[in-house]
Amino acid sequence: MTNDRRKSQRIAVTMTVDLMLASESGETFAGPVKVELNTLSLHGGSVVLPSMQANGMHFFYGYNDREGCCMMLHFEDDSGRNYTISCRPAWFDKELDESPVYYKLGFEFLKAEDRDKIKLLDRIARGKPKKTLFEVLGDLFTSR
């Protein structure tokens, strides 16, 4: 029996996002690479990718080896606005029993101030409609 250490339940989703390793100042070290968002929660998630390397850098080890490096998830909303969320790799696994072979990479979100972007990503990935005015007003009153 495994010990599940997740802070919140992850939900299965399907959405294409860009994954990259970059500095906080915007210098890109690896990627962007199109990956499939596989699971998502308020604290993290996982992606499926064809290779763990881009531009000669490993997404898991490169993050840990380069100071100031951050893993970034980049996505668009329905109106074409771009968003980037900072995260760190937590684990990876190679799926050998599948053809073609692919990798799963788990990640944790880094910044509390990204909460609204994470909720937006969740809404888009689950295919939920945009919030109504009453839902937005309800959120304002319940967040206090």
Foldseek 3Di string as FASTA:
>chain_A
DDDDPDPDDKDFFWDWWFKFKAAPVGHTDFDRDIWTFTIADLWWGKTKFADQGGPRAGQQVNQVPDPRIWMWIWDAAPVGDIDIFTWHWDDKDWDPVDPPIIMMTIITTDDPVCSVVRVRVVCVRVVHDDDDPVVVVVCVVVVD
